[in-house]
């Protein structure tokens, strides 16, 4: 792990967490998921769609180059797909059907009703929100078992 000059191994609670952090499925250890992801990506994004190009786009969407902080964007609550992550009062929430579930490093704890109107501060980068809208259907479960 963490070999110089090699890819960086990253492990996340679940796919929703990985997407919120701006990462795609691994092309080596999750080849089938990666292939499905690239199919959706190609439909959404014109131009080259190799791992390096995807990673560069996601990096630009997730990090502000001036401040080196995470970028967020605003979207109407009603338009967000299941699996997107939002932030409210510095707390991350998973959009799950009609609820927002509070994210923790060990799973989802507690929930509140998903607002039917208003604007959400979205953590998940815009390109990955679009992938979720297209019906991202991975081979492995999208959500941690603690998601209700």
N, C-alpha and C. Protein backbone atom coordinates (compact mmCIF):
# COMPACT_ATOMS: atom_id res chain seq x y z
N UNK A 1 0.83 -1.19 0.00
CA UNK A 1 0.00 0.00 0.00
C UNK A 1 0.87 1.25 0.00
N UNK A 2 0.32 2.33 -0.56
CA UNK A 2 0.98 3.64 -0.60
C UNK A 2 2.39 3.57 -1.17
N UNK A 3 2.56 2.86 -2.27
CA UNK A 3 3.86 2.72 -2.90
C UNK A 3 4.17 3.96 -3.74
N UNK A 4 5.40 4.51 -3.61
CA UNK A 4 5.76 5.67 -4.43
C UNK A 4 5.63 5.36 -5.92
N UNK A 5 5.07 6.33 -6.68
CA UNK A 5 4.93 6.15 -8.11
C UNK A 5 3.78 5.25 -8.52
N UNK A 6 2.97 4.81 -7.57
CA UNK A 6 1.84 3.94 -7.84
C UNK A 6 0.55 4.66 -7.43
N UNK A 7 -0.59 4.07 -7.80
CA UNK A 7 -1.85 4.67 -7.39
C UNK A 7 -1.98 4.62 -5.87
N UNK A 8 -2.81 5.48 -5.32
CA UNK A 8 -3.04 5.52 -3.88
C UNK A 8 -4.28 4.72 -3.55
N UNK A 9 -4.12 3.75 -2.67
CA UNK A 9 -5.26 2.95 -2.25
C UNK A 9 -6.12 3.76 -1.30
N UNK A 10 -7.40 3.84 -1.60
CA UNK A 10 -8.33 4.58 -0.77
C UNK A 10 -9.50 3.67 -0.41
N UNK A 11 -9.96 3.77 0.81
CA UNK A 11 -11.08 2.96 1.26
C UNK A 11 -12.10 3.88 1.92
N UNK A 12 -13.36 3.69 1.56
CA UNK A 12 -14.43 4.55 2.04
C UNK A 12 -15.52 3.72 2.70
N UNK A 13 -16.34 4.37 3.50
CA UNK A 13 -17.47 3.72 4.15
C UNK A 13 -18.37 3.03 3.13
N UNK A 14 -18.66 3.73 2.04
CA UNK A 14 -19.51 3.18 0.98
C UNK A 14 -19.33 4.02 -0.28
N UNK A 15 -20.06 3.67 -1.32
CA UNK A 15 -19.95 4.38 -2.60
C UNK A 15 -20.38 5.83 -2.49
N UNK A 16 -21.43 6.11 -1.71
CA UNK A 16 -21.89 7.49 -1.55
C UNK A 16 -20.80 8.35 -0.92
N UNK A 17 -20.07 7.81 0.04
CA UNK A 17 -18.98 8.53 0.69
C UNK A 17 -17.84 8.77 -0.30
N UNK A 18 -17.50 7.76 -1.07
CA UNK A 18 -16.43 7.89 -2.06
C UNK A 18 -16.79 8.94 -3.10
N UNK A 19 -18.03 8.91 -3.59
CA UNK A 19 -18.46 9.91 -4.56
C UNK A 19 -18.41 11.32 -3.94
N UNK A 20 -18.86 11.46 -2.69
CA UNK A 20 -18.84 12.76 -2.03
C UNK A 20 -17.41 13.29 -1.92
N UNK A 21 -16.45 12.39 -1.77
CA UNK A 21 -15.04 12.77 -1.70
C UNK A 21 -14.46 13.01 -3.10
N UNK A 22 -15.25 12.74 -4.14
CA UNK A 22 -14.81 12.99 -5.50
C UNK A 22 -14.01 11.88 -6.12
N UNK A 23 -14.33 10.63 -5.76
CA UNK A 23 -13.58 9.49 -6.28
C UNK A 23 -14.50 8.53 -7.04
N UNK A 24 -13.93 7.91 -8.04
CA UNK A 24 -14.62 6.93 -8.88
C UNK A 24 -14.26 5.53 -8.40
N UNK A 25 -14.96 4.49 -8.90
CA UNK A 25 -14.58 3.12 -8.57
C UNK A 25 -13.18 2.79 -9.11
N UNK A 26 -12.47 1.94 -8.40
CA UNK A 26 -11.12 1.53 -8.80
C UNK A 26 -11.19 0.70 -10.09
N UNK A 27 -10.32 1.03 -11.03
CA UNK A 27 -10.28 0.31 -12.31
C UNK A 27 -9.63 -1.06 -12.18
N UNK A 28 -8.92 -1.31 -11.08
CA UNK A 28 -8.26 -2.60 -10.89
C UNK A 28 -9.10 -3.55 -10.02
N UNK A 29 -9.40 -3.13 -8.81
CA UNK A 29 -10.07 -4.05 -7.89
C UNK A 29 -11.58 -4.09 -8.05
N UNK A 30 -12.15 -3.12 -8.76
CA UNK A 30 -13.60 -3.09 -9.00
C UNK A 30 -13.86 -2.89 -10.49
N UNK A 31 -13.25 -3.74 -11.28
CA UNK A 31 -13.26 -3.58 -12.73
C UNK A 31 -14.66 -3.49 -13.32
N UNK A 32 -15.57 -4.35 -12.87
CA UNK A 32 -16.93 -4.34 -13.41
C UNK A 32 -17.65 -3.03 -13.09
N UNK A 33 -17.51 -2.56 -11.85
CA UNK A 33 -18.10 -1.27 -11.46
C UNK A 33 -17.48 -0.13 -12.25
N UNK A 34 -16.17 -0.18 -12.41
CA UNK A 34 -15.47 0.86 -13.16
C UNK A 34 -15.97 0.90 -14.60
N UNK A 35 -16.12 -0.26 -15.22
CA UNK A 35 -16.62 -0.32 -16.60
C UNK A 35 -18.00 0.29 -16.72
N UNK A 36 -18.89 -0.01 -15.81
CA UNK A 36 -20.24 0.57 -15.81
C UNK A 36 -20.17 2.08 -15.60
N UNK A 37 -19.31 2.51 -14.68
CA UNK A 37 -19.13 3.93 -14.41
C UNK A 37 -18.67 4.66 -15.68
N UNK A 38 -17.69 4.11 -16.37
CA UNK A 38 -17.16 4.76 -17.58
C UNK A 38 -18.23 4.83 -18.66
N UNK A 39 -19.08 3.81 -18.78
CA UNK A 39 -20.18 3.87 -19.75
C UNK A 39 -21.06 5.09 -19.49
N UNK A 40 -21.44 5.28 -18.23
CA UNK A 40 -22.28 6.42 -17.87
C UNK A 40 -21.52 7.72 -18.09
N UNK A 41 -20.26 7.76 -17.67
CA UNK A 41 -19.43 8.96 -17.81
C UNK A 41 -19.36 9.39 -19.27
N UNK A 42 -19.12 8.44 -20.18
CA UNK A 42 -19.01 8.76 -21.61
C UNK A 42 -20.29 9.37 -22.15
N UNK A 43 -21.43 8.92 -21.65
CA UNK A 43 -22.71 9.49 -22.09
C UNK A 43 -22.86 10.94 -21.61
N UNK A 44 -22.26 11.24 -20.45
CA UNK A 44 -22.43 12.56 -19.83
C UNK A 44 -21.34 13.55 -20.20
N UNK A 45 -20.13 13.07 -20.42
CA UNK A 45 -18.98 13.96 -20.61
C UNK A 45 -18.35 13.72 -21.98
N UNK A 46 -18.32 14.71 -22.83
CA UNK A 46 -17.65 14.53 -24.12
C UNK A 46 -16.13 14.49 -23.94
N UNK A 47 -15.46 13.88 -24.88
CA UNK A 47 -14.00 13.87 -24.85
C UNK A 47 -13.43 12.61 -24.23
N UNK A 48 -12.12 12.62 -23.98
CA UNK A 48 -11.44 11.45 -23.44
C UNK A 48 -12.06 10.99 -22.12
N UNK A 49 -12.11 9.68 -21.92
CA UNK A 49 -12.76 9.16 -20.70
C UNK A 49 -11.92 8.08 -20.04
N UNK A 50 -10.60 8.21 -20.12
CA UNK A 50 -9.72 7.31 -19.39
C UNK A 50 -9.67 7.69 -17.93
N UNK A 51 -9.09 6.84 -17.12
CA UNK A 51 -9.01 7.09 -15.68
C UNK A 51 -8.31 8.41 -15.36
N UNK A 52 -7.24 8.73 -16.07
CA UNK A 52 -6.52 9.98 -15.79
C UNK A 52 -7.39 11.20 -16.08
N UNK A 53 -8.12 11.17 -17.19
CA UNK A 53 -8.98 12.30 -17.54
C UNK A 53 -10.15 12.44 -16.56
N UNK A 54 -10.73 11.31 -16.17
CA UNK A 54 -11.83 11.34 -15.19
C UNK A 54 -11.31 11.89 -13.87
N UNK A 55 -10.17 11.39 -13.42
CA UNK A 55 -9.60 11.84 -12.15
C UNK A 55 -9.30 13.34 -12.17
N UNK A 56 -8.77 13.84 -13.29
CA UNK A 56 -8.46 15.27 -13.40
C UNK A 56 -9.74 16.10 -13.30
N UNK A 57 -10.79 15.67 -13.96
CA UNK A 57 -12.07 16.40 -13.91
C UNK A 57 -12.63 16.39 -12.50
N UNK A 58 -12.61 15.22 -11.85
CA UNK A 58 -13.13 15.13 -10.49
C UNK A 58 -12.31 15.96 -9.51
N UNK A 59 -11.00 15.96 -9.69
CA UNK A 59 -10.14 16.76 -8.81
C UNK A 59 -10.49 18.25 -8.94
N UNK A 60 -10.68 18.71 -10.17
CA UNK A 60 -11.03 20.11 -10.40
C UNK A 60 -12.38 20.45 -9.78
N UNK A 61 -13.31 19.49 -9.76
CA UNK A 61 -14.64 19.74 -9.19
C UNK A 61 -14.65 19.66 -7.67
N UNK A 62 -13.69 18.97 -7.07
CA UNK A 62 -13.75 18.78 -5.63
C UNK A 62 -12.83 19.69 -4.83
N UNK A 63 -11.80 20.27 -5.46
CA UNK A 63 -10.83 21.09 -4.73
C UNK A 63 -10.71 22.48 -5.35
N UNK A 64 -10.80 23.50 -4.50
CA UNK A 64 -10.55 24.87 -4.93
C UNK A 64 -9.03 25.04 -4.99
N UNK A 65 -8.46 25.32 -6.18
CA UNK A 65 -7.00 25.38 -6.30
C UNK A 65 -6.36 26.53 -5.51
N UNK A 66 -7.10 27.58 -5.25
CA UNK A 66 -6.55 28.72 -4.52
C UNK A 66 -6.48 28.42 -3.02
N UNK A 67 -7.57 27.90 -2.46
CA UNK A 67 -7.64 27.68 -1.02
C UNK A 67 -7.32 26.25 -0.61
N UNK A 68 -7.30 25.33 -1.59
CA UNK A 68 -7.09 23.90 -1.34
C UNK A 68 -8.18 23.32 -0.42
N UNK A 69 -9.37 23.92 -0.45
CA UNK A 69 -10.50 23.43 0.33
C UNK A 69 -11.49 22.72 -0.59
N UNK A 70 -12.35 21.96 0.03
CA UNK A 70 -13.36 21.22 -0.73
C UNK A 70 -14.37 22.19 -1.33
N UNK A 71 -14.69 21.96 -2.60
CA UNK A 71 -15.73 22.75 -3.26
C UNK A 71 -17.10 22.16 -2.94
N UNK A 72 -18.07 23.02 -2.82
CA UNK A 72 -19.47 22.62 -2.68
C UNK A 72 -20.25 23.35 -3.76
N UNK A 73 -21.43 22.88 -4.07
CA UNK A 73 -22.29 23.59 -5.01
C UNK A 73 -23.73 23.50 -4.52
N UNK A 74 -24.56 24.40 -5.00
CA UNK A 74 -25.96 24.46 -4.58
C UNK A 74 -26.86 23.81 -5.62
N UNK A 75 -27.84 23.08 -5.14
CA UNK A 75 -28.87 22.47 -6.01
C UNK A 75 -30.18 22.41 -5.24
N UNK A 76 -31.29 22.46 -5.94
CA UNK A 76 -32.58 22.29 -5.25
C UNK A 76 -32.67 20.90 -4.63
N UNK A 77 -33.18 20.84 -3.41
CA UNK A 77 -33.33 19.55 -2.74
C UNK A 77 -34.11 18.55 -3.58
N UNK A 78 -35.19 19.04 -4.22
CA UNK A 78 -36.06 18.11 -4.95
C UNK A 78 -35.38 17.49 -6.15
N UNK A 79 -34.28 18.05 -6.63
CA UNK A 79 -33.62 17.49 -7.82
C UNK A 79 -32.49 16.52 -7.48
N UNK A 80 -32.15 16.39 -6.21
CA UNK A 80 -31.00 15.56 -5.84
C UNK A 80 -31.33 14.06 -5.90
N UNK A 81 -30.45 13.28 -6.51
CA UNK A 81 -30.67 11.84 -6.55
C UNK A 81 -30.24 11.17 -5.25
N UNK A 82 -30.79 10.00 -5.00
CA UNK A 82 -30.37 9.21 -3.85
C UNK A 82 -28.88 8.90 -3.99
N UNK A 83 -28.16 9.00 -2.88
CA UNK A 83 -26.73 8.74 -2.89
C UNK A 83 -25.88 9.99 -2.89
N UNK A 84 -26.48 11.15 -3.18
CA UNK A 84 -25.74 12.41 -3.09
C UNK A 84 -25.56 12.75 -1.62
N UNK A 85 -24.55 13.56 -1.34
CA UNK A 85 -24.30 14.02 0.03
C UNK A 85 -24.42 15.52 0.08
N UNK A 86 -25.03 16.00 1.16
CA UNK A 86 -25.19 17.43 1.39
C UNK A 86 -24.58 17.78 2.75
N UNK A 87 -24.39 19.07 2.97
CA UNK A 87 -23.85 19.52 4.25
C UNK A 87 -24.77 20.59 4.82
N UNK A 88 -24.98 20.52 6.13
CA UNK A 88 -25.80 21.50 6.82
C UNK A 88 -25.18 21.71 8.20
N UNK A 89 -24.83 22.95 8.53
CA UNK A 89 -24.18 23.26 9.81
C UNK A 89 -22.95 22.37 10.05
N UNK A 90 -22.13 22.21 9.01
CA UNK A 90 -20.89 21.41 9.08
C UNK A 90 -21.13 19.94 9.37
N UNK A 91 -22.33 19.45 9.13
CA UNK A 91 -22.65 18.03 9.29
C UNK A 91 -23.04 17.49 7.93
N UNK A 92 -22.47 16.34 7.57
CA UNK A 92 -22.77 15.71 6.28
C UNK A 92 -23.97 14.79 6.41
N UNK A 93 -24.81 14.83 5.36
CA UNK A 93 -26.00 13.99 5.31
C UNK A 93 -26.09 13.29 3.97
N UNK A 94 -26.56 12.06 4.00
CA UNK A 94 -26.84 11.28 2.80
C UNK A 94 -28.27 11.55 2.37
N UNK A 95 -28.47 11.79 1.08
CA UNK A 95 -29.83 11.90 0.54
C UNK A 95 -30.30 10.48 0.28
N UNK A 96 -31.33 10.07 1.00
CA UNK A 96 -31.85 8.71 0.89
C UNK A 96 -33.38 8.75 0.84
N UNK A 97 -33.91 8.51 -0.34
CA UNK A 97 -35.36 8.56 -0.53
C UNK A 97 -35.94 9.85 0.04
N UNK A 98 -36.78 9.75 1.05
CA UNK A 98 -37.44 10.92 1.63
C UNK A 98 -36.74 11.46 2.88
N UNK A 99 -35.51 11.03 3.12
CA UNK A 99 -34.82 11.46 4.34
C UNK A 99 -33.40 11.93 4.05
N UNK A 100 -32.84 12.59 5.05
CA UNK A 100 -31.42 12.91 5.09
C UNK A 100 -30.87 12.14 6.28
N UNK A 101 -29.85 11.30 6.03
CA UNK A 101 -29.27 10.50 7.10
C UNK A 101 -27.89 11.04 7.45
N UNK A 102 -27.67 11.26 8.74
CA UNK A 102 -26.41 11.85 9.20
C UNK A 102 -25.26 10.86 9.02
N UNK A 103 -24.22 11.33 8.30
CA UNK A 103 -23.04 10.51 8.04
C UNK A 103 -22.09 10.56 9.22
N UNK A 104 -21.50 9.41 9.58
CA UNK A 104 -20.39 9.34 10.53
C UNK A 104 -19.35 8.40 9.91
N UNK A 105 -18.13 8.40 10.40
CA UNK A 105 -17.12 7.51 9.83
C UNK A 105 -17.45 6.02 9.95
N UNK A 106 -18.36 5.68 10.85
CA UNK A 106 -18.70 4.27 11.05
C UNK A 106 -20.07 3.89 10.50
N UNK A 107 -20.79 4.83 9.95
CA UNK A 107 -22.11 4.54 9.40
C UNK A 107 -23.03 5.72 9.55
N UNK A 108 -24.28 5.50 9.19
CA UNK A 108 -25.28 6.56 9.25
C UNK A 108 -26.03 6.46 10.56
N UNK A 109 -26.18 7.60 11.24
CA UNK A 109 -26.84 7.63 12.54
C UNK A 109 -27.86 8.76 12.56
N UNK A 110 -29.09 8.41 12.75
CA UNK A 110 -30.14 9.41 12.83
C UNK A 110 -30.54 9.91 11.45
N UNK A 111 -31.70 10.48 11.39
CA UNK A 111 -32.20 10.99 10.14
C UNK A 111 -33.17 12.12 10.41
N UNK A 112 -33.45 12.84 9.35
CA UNK A 112 -34.50 13.85 9.39
C UNK A 112 -35.17 13.86 8.03
N UNK A 113 -36.33 14.43 7.98
CA UNK A 113 -37.07 14.47 6.72
C UNK A 113 -36.31 15.29 5.68
N UNK A 114 -36.35 14.82 4.46
CA UNK A 114 -35.73 15.55 3.35
C UNK A 114 -36.62 16.74 3.00
N UNK A 115 -36.06 17.94 2.96
CA UNK A 115 -36.88 19.10 2.58
C UNK A 115 -37.44 18.93 1.17
N UNK A 116 -38.66 19.37 0.98
CA UNK A 116 -39.30 19.28 -0.34
C UNK A 116 -39.00 20.50 -1.20
N UNK A 117 -38.55 21.56 -0.55
CA UNK A 117 -38.20 22.79 -1.27
C UNK A 117 -36.89 23.30 -0.70
N UNK A 118 -36.37 24.33 -1.32
CA UNK A 118 -35.15 24.94 -0.82
C UNK A 118 -33.92 24.45 -1.56
N UNK A 119 -32.81 25.02 -1.18
CA UNK A 119 -31.54 24.73 -1.85
C UNK A 119 -30.61 24.01 -0.89
N UNK A 120 -29.98 22.96 -1.38
CA UNK A 120 -29.03 22.18 -0.60
C UNK A 120 -27.61 22.59 -0.96
N UNK A 121 -26.72 22.54 0.01
CA UNK A 121 -25.28 22.68 -0.23
C UNK A 121 -24.75 21.27 -0.45
N UNK A 122 -24.36 20.98 -1.68
CA UNK A 122 -24.02 19.61 -2.09
C UNK A 122 -22.51 19.41 -2.01
N UNK A 123 -22.12 18.32 -1.37
CA UNK A 123 -20.71 17.93 -1.25
C UNK A 123 -20.28 17.15 -2.48
N UNK A 124 -21.12 16.24 -2.94
CA UNK A 124 -20.79 15.38 -4.08
C UNK A 124 -20.55 16.25 -5.32
N UNK A 125 -19.39 16.08 -5.99
CA UNK A 125 -19.10 16.90 -7.17
C UNK A 125 -20.18 16.77 -8.25
N UNK A 126 -20.40 17.85 -9.01
CA UNK A 126 -21.48 17.86 -10.01
C UNK A 126 -21.47 16.69 -10.99
N UNK A 127 -20.32 16.30 -11.49
CA UNK A 127 -20.27 15.18 -12.45
C UNK A 127 -20.76 13.89 -11.82
N UNK A 128 -20.44 13.69 -10.53
CA UNK A 128 -20.87 12.47 -9.87
C UNK A 128 -22.34 12.51 -9.48
N UNK A 129 -22.87 13.70 -9.22
CA UNK A 129 -24.32 13.84 -9.02
C UNK A 129 -25.03 13.40 -10.30
N UNK A 130 -24.49 13.80 -11.45
CA UNK A 130 -25.09 13.40 -12.74
C UNK A 130 -25.00 11.89 -12.95
N UNK A 131 -23.91 11.28 -12.55
CA UNK A 131 -23.79 9.82 -12.64
C UNK A 131 -24.88 9.16 -11.79
N UNK A 132 -25.09 9.67 -10.58
CA UNK A 132 -26.15 9.13 -9.72
C UNK A 132 -27.52 9.33 -10.35
N UNK A 133 -27.75 10.46 -10.98
CA UNK A 133 -29.03 10.71 -11.65
C UNK A 133 -29.28 9.72 -12.77
N UNK A 134 -28.24 9.29 -13.42
CA UNK A 134 -28.37 8.35 -14.54
C UNK A 134 -28.68 6.94 -14.10
N UNK A 135 -28.71 6.71 -12.80
CA UNK A 135 -29.06 5.38 -12.32
C UNK A 135 -27.85 4.51 -12.07
N UNK A 136 -26.82 5.10 -11.47
CA UNK A 136 -25.64 4.34 -11.09
C UNK A 136 -26.10 3.11 -10.33
N UNK A 137 -25.82 1.95 -10.88
CA UNK A 137 -26.26 0.68 -10.30
C UNK A 137 -25.06 -0.24 -10.20
N UNK A 138 -24.28 -0.07 -9.11
CA UNK A 138 -23.05 -0.84 -9.00
C UNK A 138 -23.30 -2.31 -8.70
N UNK A 139 -22.26 -3.10 -8.90
CA UNK A 139 -22.31 -4.52 -8.58
C UNK A 139 -22.36 -4.70 -7.07
N UNK A 140 -21.60 -3.87 -6.34
CA UNK A 140 -21.63 -3.92 -4.88
C UNK A 140 -22.62 -2.87 -4.39
N UNK A 141 -23.13 -3.00 -3.15
CA UNK A 141 -24.13 -2.04 -2.68
C UNK A 141 -23.62 -0.61 -2.69
N UNK A 142 -24.50 0.30 -3.05
CA UNK A 142 -24.17 1.73 -3.06
C UNK A 142 -23.99 2.27 -1.65
N UNK A 143 -24.81 1.79 -0.72
CA UNK A 143 -24.85 2.37 0.62
C UNK A 143 -24.44 1.39 1.70
N UNK A 144 -23.85 1.92 2.77
CA UNK A 144 -23.50 1.16 3.95
C UNK A 144 -24.78 0.56 4.54
N UNK A 145 -24.70 -0.62 5.15
CA UNK A 145 -25.91 -1.25 5.71
C UNK A 145 -26.64 -0.42 6.77
N UNK A 146 -25.96 0.53 7.38
CA UNK A 146 -26.62 1.36 8.40
C UNK A 146 -27.58 2.38 7.80
N UNK A 147 -27.53 2.58 6.47
CA UNK A 147 -28.48 3.48 5.82
C UNK A 147 -29.86 2.85 5.89
N UNK A 148 -30.83 3.62 6.36
CA UNK A 148 -32.17 3.07 6.53
C UNK A 148 -32.95 3.07 5.24
